Protein backbone atom coordinates (compact mmCIF):
# COMPACT_ATOMS: atom_id res chain seq x y z
CA MET A 1 134.34 129.83 -18.36
CA LEU A 2 131.01 128.41 -17.66
CA ARG A 3 129.57 128.84 -13.91
CA ILE A 4 127.23 126.17 -12.62
CA ALA A 5 125.42 126.43 -9.67
CA ILE A 6 124.76 122.92 -7.60
CA GLN A 7 123.51 122.11 -4.02
CA ALA A 8 126.09 123.30 -1.19
CA LYS A 9 124.60 120.26 1.11
CA GLY A 10 121.45 117.91 0.90
CA ARG A 11 120.17 115.23 -0.88
CA LEU A 12 121.15 116.15 -4.31
CA ASN A 13 124.95 117.09 -3.31
CA GLU A 14 126.66 113.92 -3.00
CA ASP A 15 124.95 112.48 -6.27
CA THR A 16 125.96 115.68 -8.38
CA MET A 17 129.33 115.21 -7.04
CA SER A 18 129.60 111.90 -7.98
CA LEU A 19 128.43 112.97 -11.62
CA LEU A 20 130.83 115.70 -12.08
CA ASN A 21 133.60 113.34 -10.99
CA ASP A 22 132.66 110.56 -13.56
CA ALA A 23 132.43 113.31 -15.82
CA GLY A 24 136.19 114.14 -15.27
CA ILE A 25 135.30 116.98 -13.62
CA GLU A 26 137.07 117.42 -10.32
CA VAL A 27 135.71 120.00 -7.84
CA ALA A 28 136.58 120.92 -4.23
CA PRO A 29 133.81 120.17 -1.67
CA ALA A 30 132.06 123.40 -0.30
CA LYS A 31 133.53 123.68 2.90
CA ARG A 32 132.19 127.32 3.47
CA LYS A 33 133.29 128.11 0.15
CA LEU A 34 130.81 129.80 -2.43
CA VAL A 35 132.70 129.21 -5.56
CA ALA A 36 135.03 126.77 -6.47
CA LYS A 37 137.22 126.32 -9.41
CA ALA A 38 137.09 122.67 -11.39
CA SER A 39 139.62 120.96 -13.22
CA GLY A 40 138.96 118.76 -16.21
CA PHE A 41 136.41 121.35 -17.87
CA PRO A 42 136.51 125.01 -18.02
CA ILE A 43 133.54 126.01 -15.45
CA GLU A 44 133.45 127.01 -11.83
CA VAL A 45 131.15 125.86 -9.40
CA LEU A 46 128.64 128.10 -7.27
CA TYR A 47 127.36 126.38 -3.97
CA LEU A 48 124.23 127.46 -3.21
CA ARG A 49 120.87 126.48 -1.38
CA ASP A 50 118.67 123.99 -3.42
CA ASP A 51 115.88 126.66 -3.54
CA ASP A 52 117.91 129.77 -4.55
CA ILE A 53 119.70 127.64 -7.54
CA PRO A 54 116.63 128.53 -10.39
CA GLN A 55 116.61 132.24 -9.25
CA ALA A 56 120.51 132.18 -9.50
CA VAL A 57 120.19 130.61 -13.00
CA HIS A 58 117.12 132.53 -13.92
CA ILE A 59 119.18 135.88 -13.46
CA GLY A 60 122.25 134.84 -14.81
CA VAL A 61 124.41 134.93 -11.52
CA ALA A 62 124.93 130.92 -12.68
CA ASP A 63 125.05 129.93 -16.32
CA ALA A 64 123.71 126.63 -15.72
CA GLY A 65 122.54 124.82 -12.41
CA ILE A 66 121.86 120.91 -11.21
CA VAL A 67 118.50 121.06 -8.95
CA GLY A 68 115.49 118.94 -8.36
CA LEU A 69 112.66 119.55 -10.96
CA ASN A 70 110.36 120.53 -7.85
CA GLU A 71 112.41 123.57 -7.11
CA VAL A 72 112.14 124.68 -10.82
CA ALA A 73 108.30 124.17 -10.78
CA GLU A 74 107.93 125.73 -7.43
CA ARG A 75 109.84 129.16 -8.34
CA GLU A 76 107.83 129.43 -11.79
CA MET A 77 110.76 130.70 -13.61
CA LYS A 78 111.27 130.21 -17.23
CA LEU A 79 114.76 128.34 -17.58
CA HIS A 80 116.12 125.76 -20.36
CA GLU A 81 115.54 122.34 -19.30
CA VAL A 82 118.96 120.87 -20.77
CA MET A 83 118.54 117.43 -19.58
CA ARG A 84 117.03 115.20 -16.71
CA LEU A 85 119.81 113.48 -14.85
CA GLY A 86 118.19 110.16 -13.35
CA PHE A 87 118.95 110.83 -9.76
CA GLY A 88 117.23 112.53 -7.03
CA HIS A 89 113.89 110.71 -7.74
CA CYS A 90 111.10 111.66 -5.49
CA ARG A 91 107.64 112.61 -5.72
CA ILE A 92 105.32 115.41 -3.82
CA SER A 93 102.21 113.95 -2.23
CA LEU A 94 99.27 114.83 -0.22
CA ALA A 95 99.20 112.97 3.17
CA VAL A 96 96.49 113.02 5.74
CA PRO A 97 96.24 111.66 9.31
CA LYS A 98 95.89 107.49 9.19
CA ALA A 99 92.76 107.59 11.04
CA VAL A 100 90.73 109.84 8.35
CA ASP A 101 88.34 107.81 6.11
CA TYR A 102 89.85 109.15 2.62
CA THR A 103 87.29 108.83 -0.39
CA GLY A 104 89.18 111.19 -2.93
CA LEU A 105 90.17 114.62 -3.68
CA GLU A 106 86.89 116.24 -2.48
CA TRP A 107 88.00 115.33 0.70
CA PHE A 108 90.54 118.48 0.58
CA ARG A 109 87.56 120.88 0.04
CA GLY A 110 87.50 123.49 2.78
CA LYS A 111 90.67 121.78 4.43
CA CYS A 112 93.85 123.52 5.54
CA VAL A 113 96.85 121.87 4.07
CA ALA A 114 100.77 122.56 5.21
CA THR A 115 103.26 122.95 2.44
CA SER A 116 106.58 124.15 1.49
CA TYR A 117 105.72 124.04 -1.96
CA PRO A 118 102.55 126.27 -2.25
CA ASN A 119 102.76 126.92 -6.07
CA ILE A 120 102.79 123.58 -7.12
CA LEU A 121 99.64 122.73 -4.89
CA SER A 122 97.80 125.84 -5.73
CA ARG A 123 98.18 124.87 -9.24
CA PHE A 124 97.16 121.38 -8.72
CA PHE A 125 94.21 122.23 -6.64
CA TYR A 126 93.11 124.98 -9.28
CA GLU A 127 93.48 122.14 -12.26
CA GLN A 128 91.18 119.67 -9.91
CA GLY A 129 88.57 122.44 -8.92
CA ILE A 130 89.38 122.07 -5.14
CA ASP A 131 89.10 125.10 -3.10
CA ALA A 132 91.54 124.58 -0.11
CA ASP A 133 93.56 126.73 2.24
CA ILE A 134 97.20 126.48 1.84
CA TYR A 135 99.45 127.03 4.79
CA GLU A 136 103.15 127.50 3.70
CA ILE A 137 105.60 126.21 6.30
CA ALA A 138 109.30 126.05 6.05
CA GLY A 139 110.43 122.56 7.49
CA SER A 140 108.95 120.05 9.54
CA VAL A 141 105.84 119.71 7.37
CA GLU A 142 105.06 116.52 8.48
CA ILE A 143 104.39 117.42 11.76
CA ALA A 144 101.55 120.16 10.94
CA PRO A 145 98.60 117.70 11.58
CA ALA A 146 99.74 116.50 14.84
CA VAL A 147 100.15 120.11 16.38
CA GLY A 148 97.03 121.38 14.81
CA LEU A 149 98.30 123.63 12.46
CA ALA A 150 96.84 121.66 9.26
CA ASP A 151 94.55 119.09 8.46
CA ALA A 152 96.79 117.34 5.72
CA ILE A 153 100.32 118.14 4.11
CA PHE A 154 101.54 118.19 0.73
CA ASP A 155 105.55 117.63 0.99
CA ILE A 156 108.28 115.50 -0.75
CA VAL A 157 107.98 111.54 -0.29
CA SER A 158 110.94 109.16 -0.98
CA SER A 159 110.57 105.94 1.05
CA GLY A 160 107.52 107.13 3.24
CA GLY A 161 109.17 106.16 6.21
CA THR A 162 108.82 109.91 7.80
CA LEU A 163 105.21 109.63 6.86
CA ILE A 164 104.29 106.55 8.86
CA GLN A 165 106.63 107.85 11.86
CA ASN A 166 104.17 110.80 11.93
CA GLY A 167 101.15 109.13 11.83
CA LEU A 168 100.32 109.85 8.23
CA LYS A 169 99.61 108.08 4.73
CA GLU A 170 100.12 109.11 1.23
CA VAL A 171 96.61 109.75 -0.65
CA GLU A 172 97.59 111.39 -3.72
CA GLN A 173 100.96 111.66 -5.78
CA VAL A 174 100.83 115.13 -7.25
CA PHE A 175 104.42 115.87 -8.73
CA HIS A 176 107.12 113.39 -9.64
CA SER A 177 110.65 114.95 -9.63
CA GLU A 178 114.38 114.28 -10.58
CA ALA A 179 117.52 116.05 -10.52
CA VAL A 180 117.96 118.26 -13.83
CA LEU A 181 120.65 120.36 -15.67
CA VAL A 182 118.90 123.71 -16.24
CA ALA A 183 120.68 126.58 -18.07
CA THR A 184 119.79 130.43 -18.26
CA PRO A 185 117.90 131.37 -21.56
CA GLY A 186 119.63 133.40 -23.97
CA LEU A 187 123.19 132.33 -23.16
CA SER A 188 125.66 133.51 -25.69
CA SER A 189 126.86 131.00 -28.42
CA SER A 190 130.06 130.42 -26.83
CA LYS A 191 128.69 129.35 -23.35
CA LEU A 192 125.74 127.24 -25.08
CA GLU A 193 128.67 125.01 -26.84
CA GLU A 194 129.96 124.38 -23.31
CA VAL A 195 126.67 123.57 -21.98
CA GLU A 196 126.49 121.16 -24.90
CA LYS A 197 129.76 119.79 -24.22
CA LEU A 198 128.60 119.22 -20.48
CA LYS A 199 125.52 117.45 -21.39
CA PHE A 200 127.55 115.35 -23.86
CA ARG A 201 129.43 114.06 -20.94
CA PHE A 202 126.31 113.69 -18.30
CA THR A 203 124.83 111.54 -21.19
CA SER A 204 127.65 109.34 -21.60
CA ILE A 205 127.19 108.20 -17.97
CA THR A 206 123.44 108.27 -17.51
CA SER A 207 123.08 106.19 -20.69
CA SER A 208 125.47 103.60 -19.34
CA ARG A 209 123.54 102.98 -15.86
CA GLY A 210 121.32 100.16 -15.97
CA TYR A 211 123.52 98.20 -18.43
CA LYS A 212 126.47 95.62 -18.26
CA TYR A 213 129.20 94.67 -20.68
CA VAL A 214 129.39 91.26 -21.37
CA LEU A 215 132.16 89.11 -23.20
CA MET A 216 132.30 85.26 -23.51
CA ASN A 217 133.55 82.47 -25.67
CA LEU A 218 131.05 80.74 -27.93
CA PRO A 219 131.24 77.88 -30.35
CA ARG A 220 131.32 79.51 -33.52
CA GLN A 221 128.39 77.18 -34.89
CA GLN A 222 126.17 79.07 -32.20
CA VAL A 223 126.62 82.78 -32.99
CA ASP A 224 123.62 83.16 -35.12
CA ALA A 225 121.37 81.73 -32.52
CA ALA A 226 123.17 84.07 -30.04
CA VAL A 227 122.84 87.20 -32.08
CA LYS A 228 119.07 86.47 -32.28
CA LEU A 229 119.09 86.58 -28.30
CA ILE A 230 121.39 89.46 -27.97
CA PRO A 231 121.26 92.44 -30.66
CA GLY A 232 123.38 94.55 -28.65
CA MET A 233 123.84 98.39 -29.34
CA ARG A 234 123.58 97.53 -32.91
CA SER A 235 124.79 93.91 -33.39
CA PRO A 236 127.34 92.00 -30.98
CA THR A 237 131.23 92.31 -31.80
CA ILE A 238 132.02 88.79 -33.02
CA LEU A 239 135.98 88.39 -32.82
CA PRO A 240 138.06 85.15 -34.04
CA LEU A 241 140.02 82.89 -31.26
CA ALA A 242 143.12 80.91 -32.07
CA ASP A 243 140.62 77.90 -32.15
CA PRO A 244 138.75 78.15 -35.47
CA ASP A 245 135.75 76.40 -33.97
CA TRP A 246 135.39 79.31 -31.38
CA CYS A 247 134.79 82.88 -31.24
CA SER A 248 134.65 85.61 -28.65
CA LEU A 249 131.56 87.69 -28.66
CA HIS A 250 131.13 91.24 -26.97
CA THR A 251 128.05 92.83 -26.24
CA VAL A 252 126.14 95.33 -23.90
CA LEU A 253 123.13 93.97 -21.89
CA GLY A 254 120.37 95.52 -19.66
CA GLU A 255 120.59 94.59 -15.97
CA ASP A 256 116.89 93.75 -16.26
CA VAL A 257 117.44 90.93 -18.36
CA LEU A 258 121.17 90.24 -17.55
CA TRP A 259 120.89 86.74 -15.92
CA GLU A 260 117.97 85.50 -18.26
CA LYS A 261 120.51 86.27 -21.58
CA ILE A 262 123.21 84.70 -19.50
CA GLU A 263 121.67 81.24 -18.76
CA GLN A 264 120.35 81.22 -22.82
CA LEU A 265 123.79 81.72 -23.71
CA LYS A 266 125.37 79.06 -21.50
CA ALA A 267 122.66 76.48 -22.76
CA LEU A 268 124.34 77.24 -26.32
CA GLY A 269 127.70 76.53 -25.21
CA ALA A 270 129.06 79.59 -24.03
CA GLU A 271 132.02 79.64 -21.61
CA GLY A 272 134.20 82.14 -19.93
CA ILE A 273 131.43 84.72 -19.57
CA LEU A 274 132.55 87.98 -18.03
CA VAL A 275 130.26 90.83 -17.01
CA LEU A 276 132.05 94.24 -16.40
CA ASN A 277 130.46 97.54 -15.05
CA LEU A 278 130.39 100.20 -17.64
CA GLU A 279 131.13 103.98 -16.72
CA ASN A 280 130.21 105.37 -20.05
CA MET A 281 128.63 104.78 -22.97
CA ILE A 282 128.40 107.08 -25.92
CA VAL A 283 125.70 106.37 -28.23
């Protein structure tokens, strides 16, 4: 049985639980439990703090884990990155007080920067040739300049609202993160097989994001023109209708072009257009 570590609570927990559920895996919520059995797939879930997940996977306490890429990079542990999951997007950025006349990275030379990610920041400053003091702090990093603990901060940014509330401005985006599925290096072949099965399920879900299933009735004489507009995964599915002059066309369209394509298809005479959500897409 595969053991997978996930965040017990926090920004990734809800999305992770949703992903598992969409993959047909039902898991009891944490509720003070450390380990929970799952149904629908041979795994058990280990609930941990996000910053403990990389180590748990590294030493084999868990065979796999779902965690932010930022935590993996900060812990500097060699883990097998199985796949990126497409949620939990954020960035870790340098921010300074609004009043500062920021002219570039040289501003940080000799300054003190507060952060919960000293290793990522140290590597960045080293690569950029910046000699700065790094002050490690856990939690509420954004208040450090206001109380005199540091000149600037290096912290997670999602919308930027927290920076604004604390009189700061984002000046350098250093690290971009998202949730990743990682595994312990050197897993047995049987557990590697289970990890690949899990990846297969997750991929079918992440592949469907941003797409819609579209079906419509179309004059048969317009099929060639419609196919040029919407090639589909390989090509659209064309099905006959009782009326020999009409057919049913089925395809998958990206949300970014959905309405443009629908307007073009309507201009060709398409009718009865249905747009459906995709839950899974196996490619």
